[in-house]
Amino acid sequence: MASLSQLVDNVVVTRFELDQPALRVGRGPDNDIRIDEISVSGQHAVIEAVPNPYLENTMDFYITDRDSTNGTFVNDIRISGRQRLNANDLVRIAWNEFRFVDEDENAMEKTAYILD
């Protein structure tokens, strides 16, 4: 199961399960992941779970900025358009830090390493 863990001083304070095909992120009350902080836009970003075309029963996760004021960053690089998320990526929504956790991806990487 994949999740987005909110970090404050490198400590997880909130964990959001990514259990839907698309999750809206923002300050507004209609978002699936609501971040009640002034630097976050009302409709800041969207996270999508997309079936991997090559690996059966595997999901790839993408984040897209929705023309937010203060931006969406992956590993300190501001994204424009759609960006694939990898296990342990640092995601910043305006000034709020998160870590993307994908336990299934980690298991696949370990298996590929053993078979290599």
PDB file of N, CA and C in Angstrom:
ATOM      1  N   MET A   1       0.846  -1.183   0.000  1.00  0.00           N
ATOM      2  CA  MET A   1       0.000   0.000   0.000  1.00  0.00           C
ATOM      3  C   MET A   1       0.887   1.242   0.000  1.00  0.00           C
ATOM      4  N   ALA A   2       0.522   2.201  -0.810  1.00  0.00           N
ATOM      5  CA  ALA A   2       1.276   3.448  -0.894  1.00  0.00           C
ATOM      6  C   ALA A   2       0.642   4.491   0.013  1.00  0.00           C
ATOM      7  N   SER A   3       1.489   5.395   0.498  1.00  0.00           N
ATOM      8  CA  SER A   3       0.993   6.462   1.361  1.00  0.00           C
ATOM      9  C   SER A   3       1.866   7.693   1.213  1.00  0.00           C
ATOM     10  N   LEU A   4       1.347   8.802   1.701  1.00  0.00           N
ATOM     11  CA  LEU A   4       2.055  10.062   1.753  1.00  0.00           C
ATOM     12  C   LEU A   4       2.138  10.438   3.223  1.00  0.00           C
ATOM     13  N   SER A   5       3.361  10.501   3.750  1.00  0.00           N
ATOM     14  CA  SER A   5       3.567  10.796   5.167  1.00  0.00           C
ATOM     15  C   SER A   5       4.012  12.236   5.331  1.00  0.00           C
ATOM     16  N   GLN A   6       3.240  13.016   6.075  1.00  0.00           N
ATOM     17  CA  GLN A   6       3.596  14.403   6.316  1.00  0.00           C
ATOM     18  C   GLN A   6       4.680  14.466   7.382  1.00  0.00           C
ATOM     19  N   LEU A   7       5.721  15.259   7.097  1.00  0.00           N
ATOM     20  CA  LEU A   7       6.871  15.366   7.990  1.00  0.00           C
ATOM     21  C   LEU A   7       6.957  16.766   8.601  1.00  0.00           C
ATOM     22  N   VAL A   8       7.276  16.792   9.884  1.00  0.00           N
ATOM     23  CA  VAL A   8       7.628  18.035  10.567  1.00  0.00           C
ATOM     24  C   VAL A   8       8.923  17.739  11.301  1.00  0.00           C
ATOM     25  N   ASP A   9       9.996  18.438  10.929  1.00  0.00           N
ATOM     26  CA  ASP A   9      11.334  18.177  11.483  1.00  0.00           C
ATOM     27  C   ASP A   9      11.716  16.700  11.338  1.00  0.00           C
ATOM     28  N   ASN A  10      11.434  16.131  10.148  1.00  0.00           N
ATOM     29  CA  ASN A  10      11.736  14.731   9.803  1.00  0.00           C
ATOM     30  C   ASN A  10      11.002  13.701  10.650  1.00  0.00           C
ATOM     31  N   VAL A  11       9.920  14.107  11.290  1.00  0.00           N
ATOM     32  CA  VAL A  11       9.087  13.189  12.071  1.00  0.00           C
ATOM     33  C   VAL A  11       7.717  13.108  11.399  1.00  0.00           C
ATOM     34  N   VAL A  12       7.214  11.884  11.213  1.00  0.00           N
ATOM     35  CA  VAL A  12       5.905  11.704  10.593  1.00  0.00           C
ATOM     36  C   VAL A  12       4.820  12.162  11.567  1.00  0.00           C
ATOM     37  N   VAL A  13       3.993  13.115  11.121  1.00  0.00           N
ATOM     38  CA  VAL A  13       2.903  13.610  11.966  1.00  0.00           C
ATOM     39  C   VAL A  13       1.532  13.172  11.458  1.00  0.00           C
ATOM     40  N   THR A  14       1.425  12.905  10.158  1.00  0.00           N
ATOM     41  CA  THR A  14       0.172  12.452   9.563  1.00  0.00           C
ATOM     42  C   THR A  14       0.504  11.533   8.398  1.00  0.00           C
ATOM     43  N   ARG A  15      -0.326  10.512   8.228  1.00  0.00           N
ATOM     44  CA  ARG A  15      -0.126   9.580   7.120  1.00  0.00           C
ATOM     45  C   ARG A  15      -1.418   9.482   6.323  1.00  0.00           C
ATOM     46  N   PHE A  16      -1.307   9.674   5.011  1.00  0.00           N
ATOM     47  CA  PHE A  16      -2.458   9.612   4.113  1.00  0.00           C
ATOM     48  C   PHE A  16      -2.305   8.387   3.212  1.00  0.00           C
ATOM     49  N   GLU A  17      -3.261   7.466   3.295  1.00  0.00           N
ATOM     50  CA  GLU A  17      -3.250   6.283   2.426  1.00  0.00           C
ATOM     51  C   GLU A  17      -3.668   6.699   1.017  1.00  0.00           C
ATOM     52  N   LEU A  18      -2.942   6.223   0.024  1.00  0.00           N
ATOM     53  CA  LEU A  18      -3.269   6.516  -1.374  1.00  0.00           C
ATOM     54  C   LEU A  18      -4.067   5.330  -1.903  1.00  0.00           C
ATOM     55  N   ASP A  19      -5.337   5.297  -1.544  1.00  0.00           N
ATOM     56  CA  ASP A  19      -6.176   4.121  -1.780  1.00  0.00           C
ATOM     57  C   ASP A  19      -7.290   4.351  -2.803  1.00  0.00           C
ATOM     58  N   GLN A  20      -7.154   5.409  -3.595  1.00  0.00           N
ATOM     59  CA  GLN A  20      -8.129   5.713  -4.633  1.00  0.00           C
ATOM     60  C   GLN A  20      -7.391   5.972  -5.937  1.00  0.00           C
ATOM     61  N   PRO A  21      -8.065   5.836  -7.082  1.00  0.00           N
ATOM     62  CA  PRO A  21      -7.395   6.076  -8.369  1.00  0.00           C
ATOM     63  C   PRO A  21      -6.863   7.498  -8.511  1.00  0.00           C
ATOM     64  N   ALA A  22      -7.565   8.467  -7.908  1.00  0.00           N
ATOM     65  CA  ALA A  22      -7.104   9.863  -7.950  1.00  0.00           C
ATOM     66  C   ALA A  22      -7.478  10.532  -6.635  1.00  0.00           C
ATOM     67  N   LEU A  23      -6.511  11.250  -6.071  1.00  0.00           N
ATOM     68  CA  LEU A  23      -6.733  11.974  -4.823  1.00  0.00           C
ATOM     69  C   LEU A  23      -6.375  13.440  -5.035  1.00  0.00           C
ATOM     70  N   ARG A  24      -7.303  14.316  -4.692  1.00  0.00           N
ATOM     71  CA  ARG A  24      -7.068  15.749  -4.806  1.00  0.00           C
ATOM     72  C   ARG A  24      -6.426  16.244  -3.515  1.00  0.00           C
ATOM     73  N   VAL A  25      -5.419  17.106  -3.679  1.00  0.00           N
ATOM     74  CA  VAL A  25      -4.682  17.652  -2.543  1.00  0.00           C
ATOM     75  C   VAL A  25      -4.838  19.164  -2.549  1.00  0.00           C
ATOM     76  N   GLY A  26      -5.175  19.729  -1.396  1.00  0.00           N
ATOM     77  CA  GLY A  26      -5.280  21.176  -1.318  1.00  0.00           C
ATOM     78  C   GLY A  26      -5.869  21.654  -0.011  1.00  0.00           C
ATOM     79  N   ARG A  27      -6.062  22.959   0.075  1.00  0.00           N
ATOM     80  CA  ARG A  27      -6.574  23.578   1.291  1.00  0.00           C
ATOM     81  C   ARG A  27      -8.098  23.531   1.360  1.00  0.00           C
ATOM     82  N   GLY A  28      -8.758  23.471   0.223  1.00  0.00           N
ATOM     83  CA  GLY A  28     -10.225  23.495   0.179  1.00  0.00           C
ATOM     84  C   GLY A  28     -10.865  22.276   0.817  1.00  0.00           C
ATOM     85  N   PRO A  29     -12.094  22.427   1.327  1.00  0.00           N
ATOM     86  CA  PRO A  29     -12.774  21.343   2.025  1.00  0.00           C
ATOM     87  C   PRO A  29     -13.170  20.170   1.132  1.00  0.00           C
ATOM     88  N   ASP A  30     -13.169  20.349  -0.185  1.00  0.00           N
ATOM     89  CA  ASP A  30     -13.576  19.277  -1.093  1.00  0.00           C
ATOM     90  C   ASP A  30     -12.411  18.379  -1.519  1.00  0.00           C
ATOM     91  N   ASN A  31     -11.228  18.569  -0.938  1.00  0.00           N
ATOM     92  CA  ASN A  31     -10.065  17.752  -1.296  1.00  0.00           C
ATOM     93  C   ASN A  31     -10.047  16.449  -0.506  1.00  0.00           C
ATOM     94  N   ASP A  32      -9.464  15.413  -1.114  1.00  0.00           N
ATOM     95  CA  ASP A  32      -9.317  14.119  -0.434  1.00  0.00           C
ATOM     96  C   ASP A  32      -8.236  14.199   0.635  1.00  0.00           C
ATOM     97  N   ILE A  33      -7.144  14.905   0.320  1.00  0.00           N
ATOM     98  CA  ILE A  33      -6.077  15.169   1.289  1.00  0.00           C
ATOM     99  C   ILE A  33      -6.107  16.672   1.541  1.00  0.00           C
ATOM    100  N   ARG A  34      -6.598  17.038   2.706  1.00  0.00           N
ATOM    101  CA  ARG A  34      -6.776  18.456   3.033  1.00  0.00           C
ATOM    102  C   ARG A  34      -5.615  18.931   3.894  1.00  0.00           C
ATOM    103  N   ILE A  35      -4.953  19.991   3.423  1.00  0.00           N
ATOM    104  CA  ILE A  35      -3.835  20.595   4.156  1.00  0.00           C
ATOM    105  C   ILE A  35      -4.268  22.016   4.496  1.00  0.00           C
ATOM    106  N   ASP A  36      -4.656  22.215   5.739  1.00  0.00           N
ATOM    107  CA  ASP A  36      -5.185  23.498   6.184  1.00  0.00           C
ATOM    108  C   ASP A  36      -4.032  24.428   6.561  1.00  0.00           C
ATOM    109  N   GLU A  37      -3.401  24.971   5.518  1.00  0.00           N
ATOM    110  CA  GLU A  37      -2.236  25.842   5.709  1.00  0.00           C
ATOM    111  C   GLU A  37      -2.277  26.894   4.603  1.00  0.00           C
ATOM    112  N   ILE A  38      -2.024  28.140   4.939  1.00  0.00           N
ATOM    113  CA  ILE A  38      -2.242  29.271   4.040  1.00  0.00           C
ATOM    114  C   ILE A  38      -1.410  29.205   2.748  1.00  0.00           C
ATOM    115  N   SER A  39      -0.242  28.578   2.762  1.00  0.00           N
ATOM    116  CA  SER A  39       0.597  28.528   1.555  1.00  0.00           C
ATOM    117  C   SER A  39       0.094  27.507   0.528  1.00  0.00           C
ATOM    118  N   VAL A  40      -0.836  26.651   0.925  1.00  0.00           N
ATOM    119  CA  VAL A  40      -1.382  25.615   0.041  1.00  0.00           C
ATOM    120  C   VAL A  40      -2.583  26.194  -0.703  1.00  0.00           C
ATOM    121  N   SER A  41      -2.606  25.995  -2.020  1.00  0.00           N
ATOM    122  CA  SER A  41      -3.723  26.474  -2.836  1.00  0.00           C
ATOM    123  C   SER A  41      -4.976  25.648  -2.555  1.00  0.00           C
ATOM    124  N   GLY A  42      -6.113  26.222  -2.872  1.00  0.00           N
ATOM    125  CA  GLY A  42      -7.389  25.534  -2.653  1.00  0.00           C
ATOM    126  C   GLY A  42      -7.444  24.190  -3.355  1.00  0.00           C
ATOM    127  N   GLN A  43      -6.982  24.133  -4.588  1.00  0.00           N
ATOM    128  CA  GLN A  43      -6.855  22.900  -5.366  1.00  0.00           C
ATOM    129  C   GLN A  43      -5.411  22.837  -5.840  1.00  0.00           C
ATOM    130  N   HIS A  44      -4.551  22.298  -5.025  1.00  0.00           N
ATOM    131  CA  HIS A  44      -3.113  22.409  -5.225  1.00  0.00           C
ATOM    132  C   HIS A  44      -2.547  21.367  -6.200  1.00  0.00           C
ATOM    133  N   ALA A  45      -2.882  20.093  -5.977  1.00  0.00           N
ATOM    134  CA  ALA A  45      -2.288  19.019  -6.787  1.00  0.00           C
ATOM    135  C   ALA A  45      -3.231  17.824  -6.828  1.00  0.00           C
ATOM    136  N   VAL A  46      -2.906  16.873  -7.676  1.00  0.00           N
ATOM    137  CA  VAL A  46      -3.650  15.611  -7.716  1.00  0.00           C
ATOM    138  C   VAL A  46      -2.636  14.477  -7.783  1.00  0.00           C
ATOM    139  N   ILE A  47      -2.932  13.394  -7.053  1.00  0.00           N
ATOM    140  CA  ILE A  47      -2.092  12.193  -7.078  1.00  0.00           C
ATOM    141  C   ILE A  47      -2.922  11.084  -7.712  1.00  0.00           C
ATOM    142  N   GLU A  48      -2.352  10.443  -8.743  1.00  0.00           N
ATOM    143  CA  GLU A  48      -3.060   9.385  -9.462  1.00  0.00           C
ATOM    144  C   GLU A  48      -2.341   8.056  -9.299  1.00  0.00           C
ATOM    145  N   ALA A  49      -3.124   6.996  -9.181  1.00  0.00           N
ATOM    146  CA  ALA A  49      -2.612   5.627  -9.192  1.00  0.00           C
ATOM    147  C   ALA A  49      -2.992   5.023 -10.537  1.00  0.00           C
ATOM    148  N   VAL A  50      -1.983   4.611 -11.303  1.00  0.00           N
ATOM    149  CA  VAL A  50      -2.195   4.112 -12.661  1.00  0.00           C
ATOM    150  C   VAL A  50      -1.601   2.707 -12.767  1.00  0.00           C
ATOM    151  N   PRO A  51      -2.356   1.744 -13.314  1.00  0.00           N
ATOM    152  CA  PRO A  51      -1.790   0.396 -13.474  1.00  0.00           C
ATOM    153  C   PRO A  51      -0.548   0.432 -14.365  1.00  0.00           C
ATOM    154  N   ASN A  52       0.505  -0.268 -13.909  1.00  0.00           N
ATOM    155  CA  ASN A  52       1.732  -0.368 -14.689  1.00  0.00           C
ATOM    156  C   ASN A  52       1.463  -1.267 -15.895  1.00  0.00           C
ATOM    157  N   PRO A  53       1.783  -0.795 -17.118  1.00  0.00           N
ATOM    158  CA  PRO A  53       1.480  -1.585 -18.312  1.00  0.00           C
ATOM    159  C   PRO A  53       2.356  -2.827 -18.477  1.00  0.00           C
ATOM    160  N   TYR A  54       3.448  -2.918 -17.728  1.00  0.00           N
ATOM    161  CA  TYR A  54       4.392  -4.022 -17.904  1.00  0.00           C
ATOM    162  C   TYR A  54       4.379  -5.025 -16.763  1.00  0.00           C
ATOM    163  N   LEU A  55       4.006  -4.588 -15.569  1.00  0.00           N
ATOM    164  CA  LEU A  55       4.012  -5.455 -14.396  1.00  0.00           C
ATOM    165  C   LEU A  55       2.590  -5.631 -13.884  1.00  0.00           C
ATOM    166  N   GLU A  56       2.091  -6.834 -13.981  1.00  0.00           N
ATOM    167  CA  GLU A  56       0.723  -7.129 -13.568  1.00  0.00           C
ATOM    168  C   GLU A  56       0.531  -6.861 -12.069  1.00  0.00           C
ATOM    169  N   ASN A  57      -0.623  -6.333 -11.710  1.00  0.00           N
ATOM    170  CA  ASN A  57      -0.986  -6.032 -10.319  1.00  0.00           C
ATOM    171  C   ASN A  57      -0.056  -5.013  -9.663  1.00  0.00           C
ATOM    172  N   THR A  58       0.542  -4.138 -10.467  1.00  0.00           N
ATOM    173  CA  THR A  58       1.445  -3.112  -9.948  1.00  0.00           C
ATOM    174  C   THR A  58       0.915  -1.743 -10.336  1.00  0.00           C
ATOM    175  N   MET A  59       0.953  -0.823  -9.382  1.00  0.00           N
ATOM    176  CA  MET A  59       0.478   0.539  -9.626  1.00  0.00           C
ATOM    177  C   MET A  59       1.660   1.507  -9.661  1.00  0.00           C
ATOM    178  N   ASP A  60       1.592   2.456 -10.565  1.00  0.00           N
ATOM    179  CA  ASP A  60       2.524   3.570 -10.600  1.00  0.00           C
ATOM    180  C   ASP A  60       1.771   4.795 -10.077  1.00  0.00           C
ATOM    181  N   PHE A  61       2.476   5.664  -9.365  1.00  0.00           N
ATOM    182  CA  PHE A  61       1.858   6.848  -8.785  1.00  0.00           C
ATOM    183  C   PHE A  61       2.459   8.096  -9.417  1.00  0.00           C
ATOM    184  N   TYR A  62       1.582   9.046  -9.747  1.00  0.00           N
ATOM    185  CA  TYR A  62       1.979  10.296 -10.381  1.00  0.00           C
ATOM    186  C   TYR A  62       1.366  11.459  -9.608  1.00  0.00           C
ATOM    187  N   ILE A  63       2.109  12.567  -9.552  1.00  0.00           N
ATOM    188  CA  ILE A  63       1.587  13.785  -8.963  1.00  0.00           C
ATOM    189  C   ILE A  63       1.606  14.874 -10.029  1.00  0.00           C
ATOM    190  N   THR A  64       0.548  15.682 -10.042  1.00  0.00           N
ATOM    191  CA  THR A  64       0.422  16.776 -10.998  1.00  0.00           C
ATOM    192  C   THR A  64       0.062  18.038 -10.234  1.00  0.00           C
ATOM    193  N   ASP A  65       0.811  19.107 -10.467  1.00  0.00           N
ATOM    194  CA  ASP A  65       0.490  20.401  -9.871  1.00  0.00           C
ATOM    195  C   ASP A  65      -0.682  20.999 -10.643  1.00  0.00           C
ATOM    196  N   ARG A  66      -1.611  21.604  -9.928  1.00  0.00           N
ATOM    197  CA  ARG A  66      -2.806  22.182 -10.552  1.00  0.00           C
ATOM    198  C   ARG A  66      -2.703  23.709 -10.587  1.00  0.00           C
ATOM    199  N   ASP A  67      -1.594  24.198 -11.156  1.00  0.00           N
ATOM    200  CA  ASP A  67      -1.348  25.644 -11.275  1.00  0.00           C
ATOM    201  C   ASP A  67      -1.415  26.350  -9.926  1.00  0.00           C
ATOM    202  N   SER A  68      -0.791  25.724  -8.924  1.00  0.00           N
ATOM    203  CA  SER A  68      -0.787  26.286  -7.572  1.00  0.00           C
ATOM    204  C   SER A  68       0.105  27.528  -7.514  1.00  0.00           C
ATOM    205  N   THR A  69      -0.135  28.359  -6.524  1.00  0.00           N
ATOM    206  CA  THR A  69       0.651  29.577  -6.336  1.00  0.00           C
ATOM    207  C   THR A  69       2.071  29.266  -5.876  1.00  0.00           C
ATOM    208  N   ASN A  70       2.219  28.402  -4.880  1.00  0.00           N
ATOM    209  CA  ASN A  70       3.529  28.135  -4.281  1.00  0.00           C
ATOM    210  C   ASN A  70       4.183  26.835  -4.743  1.00  0.00           C
ATOM    211  N   GLY A  71       3.595  26.159  -5.700  1.00  0.00           N
ATOM    212  CA  GLY A  71       4.236  25.040  -6.368  1.00  0.00           C
ATOM    213  C   GLY A  71       4.186  23.707  -5.649  1.00  0.00           C
ATOM    214  N   THR A  72       4.506  22.670  -6.435  1.00  0.00           N
ATOM    215  CA  THR A  72       4.649  21.299  -5.964  1.00  0.00           C
ATOM    216  C   THR A  72       6.048  20.856  -6.362  1.00  0.00           C
ATOM    217  N   PHE A  73       6.774  20.248  -5.421  1.00  0.00           N
ATOM    218  CA  PHE A  73       8.163  19.877  -5.636  1.00  0.00           C
ATOM    219  C   PHE A  73       8.351  18.384  -5.357  1.00  0.00           C
ATOM    220  N   VAL A  74       9.182  17.738  -6.156  1.00  0.00           N
ATOM    221  CA  VAL A  74       9.589  16.358  -5.906  1.00  0.00           C
ATOM    222  C   VAL A  74      11.101  16.367  -5.819  1.00  0.00           C
ATOM    223  N   ASN A  75      11.608  15.975  -4.660  1.00  0.00           N
ATOM    224  CA  ASN A  75      13.057  15.990  -4.393  1.00  0.00           C
ATOM    225  C   ASN A  75      13.660  17.363  -4.690  1.00  0.00           C
ATOM    226  N   ASP A  76      12.974  18.397  -4.204  1.00  0.00           N
ATOM    227  CA  ASP A  76      13.390  19.802  -4.306  1.00  0.00           C
ATOM    228  C   ASP A  76      13.407  20.364  -5.723  1.00  0.00           C
ATOM    229  N   ILE A  77      12.757  19.693  -6.656  1.00  0.00           N
ATOM    230  CA  ILE A  77      12.643  20.208  -8.025  1.00  0.00           C
ATOM    231  C   ILE A  77      11.171  20.516  -8.283  1.00  0.00           C
ATOM    232  N   ARG A  78      10.914  21.768  -8.644  1.00  0.00           N
ATOM    233  CA  ARG A  78       9.529  22.167  -8.921  1.00  0.00           C
ATOM    234  C   ARG A  78       9.033  21.446 -10.161  1.00  0.00           C
ATOM    235  N   ILE A  79       7.871  20.840 -10.056  1.00  0.00           N
ATOM    236  CA  ILE A  79       7.350  20.086 -11.193  1.00  0.00           C
ATOM    237  C   ILE A  79       6.425  20.966 -12.020  1.00  0.00           C
ATOM    238  N   SER A  80       6.387  20.652 -13.286  1.00  0.00           N
ATOM    239  CA  SER A  80       5.395  21.241 -14.174  1.00  0.00           C
ATOM    240  C   SER A  80       4.862  20.073 -14.981  1.00  0.00           C
ATOM    241  N   GLY A  81       3.598  19.879 -14.941  1.00  0.00           N
ATOM    242  CA  GLY A  81       3.034  18.695 -15.577  1.00  0.00           C
ATOM    243  C   GLY A  81       3.016  17.528 -14.606  1.00  0.00           C
ATOM    244  N   ARG A  82       3.013  16.340 -15.160  1.00  0.00           N
ATOM    245  CA  ARG A  82       2.866  15.110 -14.386  1.00  0.00           C
ATOM    246  C   ARG A  82       4.237  14.524 -14.064  1.00  0.00           C
ATOM    247  N   GLN A  83       4.435  14.110 -12.812  1.00  0.00           N
ATOM    248  CA  GLN A  83       5.718  13.560 -12.363  1.00  0.00           C
ATOM    249  C   GLN A  83       5.478  12.216 -11.670  1.00  0.00           C
ATOM    250  N   ARG A  84       6.214  11.188 -12.096  1.00  0.00           N
ATOM    251  CA  ARG A  84       6.107   9.879 -11.443  1.00  0.00           C
ATOM    252  C   ARG A  84       6.772   9.933 -10.076  1.00  0.00           C
ATOM    253  N   LEU A  85       6.137   9.287  -9.099  1.00  0.00           N
ATOM    254  CA  LEU A  85       6.701   9.213  -7.751  1.00  0.00           C
ATOM    255  C   LEU A  85       7.365   7.859  -7.554  1.00  0.00           C
ATOM    256  N   ASN A  86       8.531   7.871  -6.930  1.00  0.00           N
ATOM    257  CA  ASN A  86       9.258   6.650  -6.584  1.00  0.00           C
ATOM    258  C   ASN A  86       9.336   6.543  -5.069  1.00  0.00           C
ATOM    259  N   ALA A  87       9.485   5.337  -4.575  1.00  0.00           N
ATOM    260  CA  ALA A  87       9.557   5.119  -3.130  1.00  0.00           C
ATOM    261  C   ALA A  87      10.584   6.042  -2.492  1.00  0.00           C
ATOM    262  N   ASN A  88      10.204   6.659  -1.393  1.00  0.00           N
ATOM    263  CA  ASN A  88      11.035   7.554  -0.585  1.00  0.00           C
ATOM    264  C   ASN A  88      11.285   8.925  -1.205  1.00  0.00           C
ATOM    265  N   ASP A  89      10.584   9.269  -2.274  1.00  0.00           N
ATOM    266  CA  ASP A  89      10.687  10.629  -2.803  1.00  0.00           C
ATOM    267  C   ASP A  89      10.197  11.612  -1.750  1.00  0.00           C
ATOM    268  N   LEU A  90      10.839  12.769  -1.692  1.00  0.00           N
ATOM    269  CA  LEU A  90      10.368  13.859  -0.849  1.00  0.00           C
ATOM    270  C   LEU A  90       9.469  14.747  -1.692  1.00  0.00           C
ATOM    271  N   VAL A  91       8.270  14.954  -1.222  1.00  0.00           N
ATOM    272  CA  VAL A  91       7.289  15.762  -1.934  1.00  0.00           C
ATOM    273  C   VAL A  91       7.005  16.990  -1.078  1.00  0.00           C
ATOM    274  N   ARG A  92       7.030  18.156  -1.721  1.00  0.00           N
ATOM    275  CA  ARG A  92       6.708  19.382  -0.998  1.00  0.00           C
ATOM    276  C   ARG A  92       5.515  20.035  -1.669  1.00  0.00           C
ATOM    277  N   ILE A  93       4.471  20.237  -0.880  1.00  0.00           N
ATOM    278  CA  ILE A  93       3.267  20.934  -1.318  1.00  0.00           C
ATOM    279  C   ILE A  93       3.351  22.315  -0.675  1.00  0.00           C
ATOM    280  N   ALA A  94       3.700  23.324  -1.475  1.00  0.00           N
ATOM    281  CA  ALA A  94       4.003  24.663  -0.957  1.00  0.00           C
ATOM    282  C   ALA A  94       5.124  24.528   0.070  1.00  0.00           C
ATOM    283  N   TRP A  95       4.860  24.774   1.364  1.00  0.00           N
ATOM    284  CA  TRP A  95       5.921  24.668   2.381  1.00  0.00           C
ATOM    285  C   TRP A  95       5.763  23.427   3.259  1.00  0.00           C
ATOM    286  N   ASN A  96       4.921  22.489   2.865  1.00  0.00           N
ATOM    287  CA  ASN A  96       4.635  21.291   3.651  1.00  0.00           C
ATOM    288  C   ASN A  96       5.364  20.094   3.053  1.00  0.00           C
ATOM    289  N   GLU A  97       6.147  19.397   3.888  1.00  0.00           N
ATOM    290  CA  GLU A  97       6.967  18.280   3.407  1.00  0.00           C
ATOM    291  C   GLU A  97       6.301  16.939   3.669  1.00  0.00           C
ATOM    292  N   PHE A  98       6.466  16.047   2.692  1.00  0.00           N
ATOM    293  CA  PHE A  98       5.921  14.699   2.761  1.00  0.00           C
ATOM    294  C   PHE A  98       6.961  13.714   2.239  1.00  0.00           C
ATOM    295  N   ARG A  99       6.821  12.466   2.631  1.00  0.00           N
ATOM    296  CA  ARG A  99       7.610  11.390   2.037  1.00  0.00           C
ATOM    297  C   ARG A  99       6.626  10.428   1.393  1.00  0.00           C
ATOM    298  N   PHE A 100       6.896  10.082   0.115  1.00  0.00           N
ATOM    299  CA  PHE A 100       6.084   9.094  -0.582  1.00  0.00           C
ATOM    300  C   PHE A 100       6.602   7.713  -0.218  1.00  0.00           C
ATOM    301  N   VAL A 101       5.730   6.878   0.313  1.00  0.00           N
ATOM    302  CA  VAL A 101       6.102   5.525   0.729  1.00  0.00           C
ATOM    303  C   VAL A 101       5.306   4.541  -0.118  1.00  0.00           C
ATOM    304  N   ASP A 102       6.014   3.644  -0.788  1.00  0.00           N
ATOM    305  CA  ASP A 102       5.361   2.607  -1.590  1.00  0.00           C
ATOM    306  C   ASP A 102       5.986   1.272  -1.224  1.00  0.00           C
ATOM    307  N   GLU A 103       5.350   0.565  -0.300  1.00  0.00           N
ATOM    308  CA  GLU A 103       5.889  -0.698   0.193  1.00  0.00           C
ATOM    309  C   GLU A 103       5.982  -1.747  -0.908  1.00  0.00           C
ATOM    310  N   ASP A 104       5.048  -1.730  -1.858  1.00  0.00           N
ATOM    311  CA  ASP A 104       5.084  -2.689  -2.962  1.00  0.00           C
ATOM    312  C   ASP A 104       6.281  -2.451  -3.868  1.00  0.00           C
ATOM    313  N   GLU A 105       6.617  -1.198  -4.120  1.00  0.00           N
ATOM    314  CA  GLU A 105       7.774  -0.899  -4.969  1.00  0.00           C
ATOM    315  C   GLU A 105       9.057  -1.380  -4.306  1.00  0.00           C
ATOM    316  N   ASN A 106       9.182  -1.166  -3.003  1.00  0.00           N
ATOM    317  CA  ASN A 106      10.377  -1.634  -2.295  1.00  0.00           C
ATOM    318  C   ASN A 106      10.533  -3.139  -2.405  1.00  0.00           C
ATOM    319  N   ALA A 107       9.448  -3.883  -2.268  1.00  0.00           N
ATOM    320  CA  ALA A 107       9.510  -5.339  -2.373  1.00  0.00           C
ATOM    321  C   ALA A 107       9.945  -5.751  -3.777  1.00  0.00           C
ATOM    322  N   MET A 108       9.461  -5.057  -4.793  1.00  0.00           N
ATOM    323  CA  MET A 108       9.849  -5.385  -6.167  1.00  0.00           C
ATOM    324  C   MET A 108      11.324  -5.112  -6.397  1.00  0.00           C
ATOM    325  N   GLU A 109      11.834  -4.001  -5.865  1.00  0.00           N
ATOM    326  CA  GLU A 109      13.245  -3.674  -6.048  1.00  0.00           C
ATOM    327  C   GLU A 109      14.131  -4.719  -5.381  1.00  0.00           C
ATOM    328  N   LYS A 110      13.753  -5.178  -4.199  1.00  0.00           N
ATOM    329  CA  LYS A 110      14.528  -6.205  -3.514  1.00  0.00           C
ATOM    330  C   LYS A 110      14.540  -7.500  -4.308  1.00  0.00           C
ATOM    331  N   THR A 111      13.385  -7.870  -4.860  1.00  0.00           N
ATOM    332  CA  THR A 111      13.298  -9.088  -5.663  1.00  0.00           C
ATOM    333  C   THR A 111      14.167  -8.959  -6.903  1.00  0.00           C
ATOM    334  N   ALA A 112      14.100  -7.821  -7.583  1.00  0.00           N
ATOM    335  CA  ALA A 112      14.906  -7.620  -8.797  1.00  0.00           C
ATOM    336  C   ALA A 112      16.388  -7.678  -8.445  1.00  0.00           C
ATOM    337  N   TYR A 113      16.771  -7.138  -7.299  1.00  0.00           N
ATOM    338  CA  TYR A 113      18.176  -7.167  -6.882  1.00  0.00           C
ATOM    339  C   TYR A 113      18.631  -8.596  -6.630  1.00  0.00           C
ATOM    340  N   ILE A 114      17.813  -9.400  -5.977  1.00  0.00           N
ATOM    341  CA  ILE A 114      18.175 -10.787  -5.687  1.00  0.00           C
ATOM    342  C   ILE A 114      18.292 -11.588  -6.972  1.00  0.00           C
ATOM    343  N   LEU A 115      17.405 -11.357  -7.929  1.00  0.00           N
ATOM    344  CA  LEU A 115      17.412 -12.117  -9.174  1.00  0.00           C
ATOM    345  C   LEU A 115      18.527 -11.682 -10.123  1.00  0.00           C
ATOM    346  N   ASP A 116      19.047 -10.496  -9.915  1.00  0.00           N
ATOM    347  CA  ASP A 116      20.073  -9.946 -10.799  1.00  0.00           C
ATOM    348  C   ASP A 116      21.374 -10.598 -10.622  1.00  0.00           C
TER     349      ASP A 116
END
